[in-house]
Amino acid sequence: MDGRTLVLILGLWIGYALLGARSGGGSPLEIGLQPPNQCVNCHQGITTPLELSQRYYDWHLSIHKERGVTCDGCHGGDSQARTAQEAHREVFPSSDARSRVHGKNQAETCGACHSEVRTAYVSSAHHMKLSSAGLGPFCSTCHLNMANSTIRSAADIGALCSRCHGAEGGLLPPNPQLLKGAQETLLSLSRANGVLIWADRLLEAAQEKRLDVTEEVRDLEAARRLLAEAKWEWHAFRFEPVRAKADRAFAQGTKVKDRLMQKVYPGPRL
């Protein structure tokens, strides 16, 4: 390949990457113009063992893939290596304390991108207990399968917290108030998220009708920021301030939703 061809290919790849970033669309991985990544090239062809094969598809369907985060971004290794031995240098099973995705190391690994969540989590009693005694939840306790699925329902969070805080003869004395606080806080976050999605859809409808929604755009963005802060702070597991922010986001989002409803569908309603 001569120099001009190489420059042309590189220019096209950068152009597509910038286009995807500006449009809010796909990363280079999505449009098939990513730099060569031997982790992806090799693992997509693995069919056995089943667990290893499934892990590739967990990644392929994940937000990490959409954002261009490949295997080496979390696990380490050399994505440009030509042999398996070279590619897996410094890559260890997640059960090995040297692994970047070992429970004790996930705050640093995941926090490289999710800095706000990391800041909240490392201030928590859970992280302190994990660091000192090796006991306690870490990122993948709740964010499962490359974050394809997350503990979201009150029932699920209750069952998860009960492993330590609700079982007779468990690691800690039963604490029904703590379980109730966790469940209600998660419900509050979910409710606020729901009303903001509703408002977003009404906003799209209003913009399609070319209505003036300047104030609604501003107020909805403020509610989104408030909910984002509440979600980050959830990871410190201090429920009262999180619940307060989530409820404020819900109240603000509801006001925006109601105003948009009047604009998009004017007139009396039952």
Protein backbone atom coordinates (compact mmCIF):
# COMPACT_ATOMS: atom_id res chain seq x y z
CA MET A 1 0.00 0.00 0.00
CA ASP A 2 1.56 3.33 -1.05
CA GLY A 3 1.63 6.44 1.11
CA ARG A 4 -1.17 8.27 -0.69
CA THR A 5 -3.56 5.33 -0.30
CA LEU A 6 -2.77 5.06 3.39
CA VAL A 7 -3.39 8.79 3.90
CA LEU A 8 -6.71 8.53 2.00
CA ILE A 9 -7.92 5.61 4.15
CA LEU A 10 -6.90 7.38 7.34
CA GLY A 11 -8.62 10.57 6.21
CA LEU A 12 -11.84 8.72 5.44
CA TRP A 13 -11.81 6.99 8.82
CA ILE A 14 -11.30 10.29 10.69
CA GLY A 15 -14.00 11.96 8.62
CA TYR A 16 -16.55 9.26 9.37
CA ALA A 17 -15.61 9.32 13.05
CA LEU A 18 -16.13 13.09 13.23
CA LEU A 19 -19.39 12.84 11.33
CA GLY A 20 -20.68 10.23 13.77
CA ALA A 21 -19.65 12.37 16.75
CA ARG A 22 -21.29 15.52 15.37
CA SER A 23 -24.52 13.82 14.47
CA GLY A 24 -24.77 11.98 17.76
CA GLY A 25 -24.77 8.81 15.71
CA GLY A 26 -22.57 5.78 15.54
CA SER A 27 -18.98 5.40 16.47
CA PRO A 28 -16.48 4.11 13.90
CA LEU A 29 -17.25 0.64 15.24
CA GLU A 30 -20.88 0.97 14.18
CA ILE A 31 -20.13 2.04 10.63
CA GLY A 32 -17.50 -0.64 10.09
CA LEU A 33 -14.52 1.69 9.69
CA GLN A 34 -12.87 1.15 13.06
CA PRO A 35 -9.11 0.73 13.28
CA PRO A 36 -8.09 -2.94 13.20
CA ASN A 37 -8.85 -4.52 16.57
CA GLN A 38 -7.67 -8.06 16.90
CA CYS A 39 -9.68 -8.61 20.11
CA VAL A 40 -12.91 -8.04 18.19
CA ASN A 41 -11.73 -9.85 15.07
CA CYS A 42 -10.79 -12.96 17.04
CA HIS A 43 -13.53 -13.14 19.66
CA GLN A 44 -16.39 -12.65 17.21
CA GLY A 45 -15.46 -15.99 15.65
CA ILE A 46 -15.26 -17.95 18.91
CA THR A 47 -18.14 -20.40 19.40
CA THR A 48 -16.79 -22.52 22.27
CA PRO A 49 -16.71 -22.45 25.19
CA LEU A 50 -20.24 -21.09 25.30
CA GLU A 51 -19.61 -18.66 28.16
CA LEU A 52 -16.73 -17.01 26.30
CA SER A 53 -18.74 -16.84 23.09
CA GLN A 54 -21.68 -15.23 24.88
CA ARG A 55 -19.43 -12.58 26.39
CA TYR A 56 -18.64 -11.33 22.91
CA TYR A 57 -22.35 -10.92 22.16
CA ASP A 58 -22.90 -9.20 25.50
CA TRP A 59 -20.35 -6.65 24.34
CA HIS A 60 -21.68 -6.49 20.77
CA LEU A 61 -25.13 -5.45 22.01
CA SER A 62 -23.84 -3.09 24.69
CA ILE A 63 -23.54 0.66 25.05
CA HIS A 64 -19.78 0.11 25.26
CA LYS A 65 -19.71 -1.14 21.69
CA GLU A 66 -21.88 1.76 20.56
CA ARG A 67 -19.40 4.20 22.14
CA GLY A 68 -16.37 2.49 20.59
CA VAL A 69 -15.05 0.89 23.79
CA THR A 70 -13.49 -2.44 22.86
CA CYS A 71 -12.21 -5.36 24.94
CA ASP A 72 -8.81 -3.86 25.68
CA GLY A 73 -10.41 -0.67 27.01
CA CYS A 74 -11.52 -2.54 30.13
CA HIS A 75 -9.55 -5.79 30.23
CA GLY A 76 -6.19 -4.49 29.03
CA GLY A 77 -4.07 -6.43 26.57
CA ASP A 78 -2.81 -5.48 23.14
CA SER A 79 -5.54 -5.11 20.51
CA GLN A 80 -2.97 -4.86 17.72
CA ALA A 81 -1.08 -8.05 18.58
CA ARG A 82 -0.97 -10.88 16.07
CA THR A 83 -0.78 -13.81 18.49
CA ALA A 84 -3.08 -14.79 21.35
CA GLN A 85 -0.17 -14.80 23.79
CA GLU A 86 0.82 -11.25 22.94
CA ALA A 87 -2.80 -10.06 22.86
CA HIS A 88 -3.53 -11.40 26.34
CA ARG A 89 -0.41 -10.10 28.05
CA GLU A 90 -1.45 -8.59 31.42
CA VAL A 91 -5.02 -9.89 30.95
CA PHE A 92 -6.23 -11.99 33.88
CA PRO A 93 -9.50 -13.72 34.83
CA SER A 94 -11.88 -11.43 36.70
CA SER A 95 -11.39 -13.59 39.80
CA ASP A 96 -7.68 -12.69 39.84
CA ALA A 97 -6.88 -9.62 41.94
CA ARG A 98 -4.49 -8.45 39.20
CA SER A 99 -7.34 -8.18 36.69
CA ARG A 100 -8.56 -4.72 35.77
CA VAL A 101 -12.12 -6.02 36.08
CA HIS A 102 -11.66 -7.71 39.45
CA GLY A 103 -14.26 -6.40 41.90
CA LYS A 104 -11.73 -4.36 43.87
CA ASN A 105 -10.38 -2.75 40.68
CA GLN A 106 -13.62 -1.96 38.89
CA ALA A 107 -14.00 1.49 40.44
CA GLU A 108 -10.75 2.59 38.81
CA THR A 109 -11.33 0.78 35.52
CA CYS A 110 -14.94 1.87 35.05
CA GLY A 111 -14.21 5.25 36.60
CA ALA A 112 -11.85 6.10 33.75
CA CYS A 113 -15.02 6.95 31.80
CA HIS A 114 -17.66 7.16 34.53
CA SER A 115 -15.86 9.65 36.74
CA GLU A 116 -18.92 11.10 38.50
CA VAL A 117 -20.15 7.64 39.44
CA ARG A 118 -16.69 6.67 40.65
CA THR A 119 -16.47 9.76 42.86
CA ALA A 120 -19.76 8.88 44.53
CA TYR A 121 -19.01 5.17 44.87
CA VAL A 122 -15.55 5.50 46.43
CA SER A 123 -17.06 7.70 49.15
CA SER A 124 -19.52 4.95 50.11
CA ALA A 125 -19.40 2.54 53.02
CA HIS A 126 -19.70 -0.26 50.47
CA HIS A 127 -16.43 0.70 48.78
CA MET A 128 -14.66 1.12 52.11
CA LYS A 129 -15.76 -2.36 53.16
CA LEU A 130 -14.75 -3.80 49.78
CA SER A 131 -11.30 -2.20 50.01
CA SER A 132 -10.66 -3.27 53.59
CA ALA A 133 -12.30 -6.68 53.84
CA GLY A 134 -13.03 -7.70 50.25
CA LEU A 135 -16.77 -7.71 50.96
CA GLY A 136 -19.31 -5.47 49.31
CA PRO A 137 -20.88 -4.71 45.95
CA PHE A 138 -18.93 -3.37 42.99
CA CYS A 139 -19.91 -2.10 39.54
CA SER A 140 -20.88 -5.42 37.95
CA THR A 141 -22.94 -6.43 40.99
CA CYS A 142 -25.72 -4.24 39.58
CA HIS A 143 -24.54 -3.51 36.02
CA LEU A 144 -24.59 -6.97 34.49
CA ASN A 145 -23.40 -8.40 31.17
CA MET A 146 -21.29 -5.46 30.00
CA ALA A 147 -23.99 -3.18 31.47
CA ASN A 148 -26.57 -4.65 29.08
CA SER A 149 -28.84 -5.15 32.06
CA THR A 150 -29.00 -3.19 35.29
CA ILE A 151 -30.80 -3.74 38.57
CA ARG A 152 -33.71 -1.31 38.21
CA SER A 153 -36.82 -2.65 39.92
CA ALA A 154 -37.63 -2.22 43.60
CA ALA A 155 -38.06 -5.98 43.96
CA ASP A 156 -34.63 -6.68 42.45
CA ILE A 157 -32.82 -4.10 44.55
CA GLY A 158 -34.59 -5.40 47.64
CA ALA A 159 -33.48 -8.95 46.91
CA LEU A 160 -29.92 -7.84 46.20
CA CYS A 161 -29.57 -5.72 49.34
CA SER A 162 -31.17 -8.49 51.40
CA ARG A 163 -28.18 -10.72 50.77
CA CYS A 164 -26.29 -8.71 53.36
CA HIS A 165 -28.85 -6.49 55.07
CA GLY A 166 -31.93 -8.67 55.25
CA ALA A 167 -31.01 -12.27 55.90
CA GLU A 168 -31.15 -13.86 59.32
CA GLY A 169 -27.68 -15.06 60.12
CA GLY A 170 -26.30 -12.99 57.23
CA LEU A 171 -23.23 -10.80 57.13
CA LEU A 172 -25.04 -7.90 58.81
CA PRO A 173 -28.08 -7.61 61.08
CA PRO A 174 -31.40 -7.35 59.22
CA ASN A 175 -32.23 -3.73 58.42
CA PRO A 176 -35.75 -3.40 56.97
CA GLN A 177 -35.59 0.41 56.99
CA LEU A 178 -32.49 0.35 54.82
CA LEU A 179 -34.16 -2.02 52.36
CA LYS A 180 -37.23 0.20 52.25
CA GLY A 181 -35.07 3.28 51.67
CA ALA A 182 -33.23 1.61 48.79
CA GLN A 183 -36.46 0.47 47.15
CA GLU A 184 -38.23 3.81 47.49
CA THR A 185 -35.22 5.73 46.22
CA LEU A 186 -34.99 3.52 43.15
CA LEU A 187 -38.72 3.96 42.53
CA SER A 188 -38.26 7.72 42.80
CA LEU A 189 -35.43 7.68 40.25
CA SER A 190 -37.49 5.52 37.91
CA ARG A 191 -40.53 7.78 38.22
CA ALA A 192 -38.50 10.89 37.44
CA ASN A 193 -36.90 9.14 34.49
CA GLY A 194 -40.34 8.18 33.18
CA VAL A 195 -41.80 11.67 33.28
CA LEU A 196 -38.72 13.12 31.54
CA ILE A 197 -39.06 10.57 28.74
CA TRP A 198 -42.73 11.55 28.42
CA ALA A 199 -41.77 15.23 28.28
CA ASP A 200 -39.07 14.47 25.68
CA ARG A 201 -41.64 12.86 23.39
CA LEU A 202 -44.01 15.79 23.78
CA LEU A 203 -41.14 18.15 23.05
CA GLU A 204 -40.41 16.32 19.79
CA ALA A 205 -44.08 16.60 18.83
CA ALA A 206 -44.09 20.32 19.65
CA GLN A 207 -40.97 20.92 17.59
CA GLU A 208 -42.49 19.06 14.65
CA LYS A 209 -45.40 21.51 14.85
CA ARG A 210 -42.89 24.39 14.99
CA LEU A 211 -44.24 25.60 18.32
CA ASP A 212 -42.25 27.95 20.53
CA VAL A 213 -40.84 25.71 23.26
CA THR A 214 -37.82 27.78 24.28
CA GLU A 215 -38.76 27.80 27.96
CA GLU A 216 -39.65 24.13 27.97
CA VAL A 217 -36.29 23.18 26.43
CA ARG A 218 -34.49 25.17 29.12
CA ASP A 219 -36.53 23.78 32.00
CA LEU A 220 -36.38 20.21 30.73
CA GLU A 221 -32.59 20.41 30.47
CA ALA A 222 -32.43 21.63 34.07
CA ALA A 223 -34.56 18.67 35.18
CA ARG A 224 -32.32 16.29 33.23
CA ARG A 225 -29.22 17.65 34.94
CA LEU A 226 -30.87 17.26 38.33
CA LEU A 227 -31.81 13.65 37.62
CA ALA A 228 -28.32 12.90 36.29
CA GLU A 229 -26.84 14.18 39.55
CA ALA A 230 -29.27 12.03 41.53
CA LYS A 231 -28.28 8.94 39.51
CA TRP A 232 -24.58 9.58 40.08
CA GLU A 233 -25.11 10.14 43.80
CA TRP A 234 -27.16 6.95 44.09
CA HIS A 235 -23.82 5.14 43.89
CA ALA A 236 -22.82 6.58 47.28
CA PHE A 237 -25.88 4.77 48.74
CA ARG A 238 -27.02 7.75 50.79
CA PHE A 239 -30.67 7.58 49.97
CA GLU A 240 -32.26 10.71 51.42
CA PRO A 241 -30.40 13.32 49.31
CA VAL A 242 -30.80 11.17 46.20
CA ARG A 243 -34.52 10.79 46.81
CA ALA A 244 -34.84 14.56 47.31
CA LYS A 245 -33.13 15.33 43.99
CA ALA A 246 -35.09 12.68 42.13
CA ASP A 247 -38.36 14.06 43.49
CA ARG A 248 -37.37 17.59 42.47
CA ALA A 249 -36.54 16.35 38.98
CA PHE A 250 -39.92 14.63 38.85
CA ALA A 251 -41.74 17.80 39.95
CA GLN A 252 -39.90 19.95 37.42
CA GLY A 253 -40.37 17.41 34.66
CA THR A 254 -44.08 17.13 35.42
CA LYS A 255 -44.52 20.90 35.07
CA VAL A 256 -42.75 20.85 31.71
CA LYS A 257 -44.76 17.84 30.58
CA ASP A 258 -48.05 19.54 31.49
CA ARG A 259 -47.12 22.76 29.66
CA LEU A 260 -46.09 20.82 26.58
CA MET A 261 -49.31 18.82 26.71
CA GLN A 262 -51.30 22.05 26.59
CA LYS A 263 -49.28 23.31 23.63
CA VAL A 264 -49.32 20.10 21.61
CA TYR A 265 -52.93 19.15 22.44
CA PRO A 266 -54.73 22.41 23.28
CA GLY A 267 -58.25 22.44 24.58
CA PRO A 268 -60.11 20.75 27.43
CA ARG A 269 -59.34 17.15 28.37
CA LEU A 270 -61.20 14.69 30.53
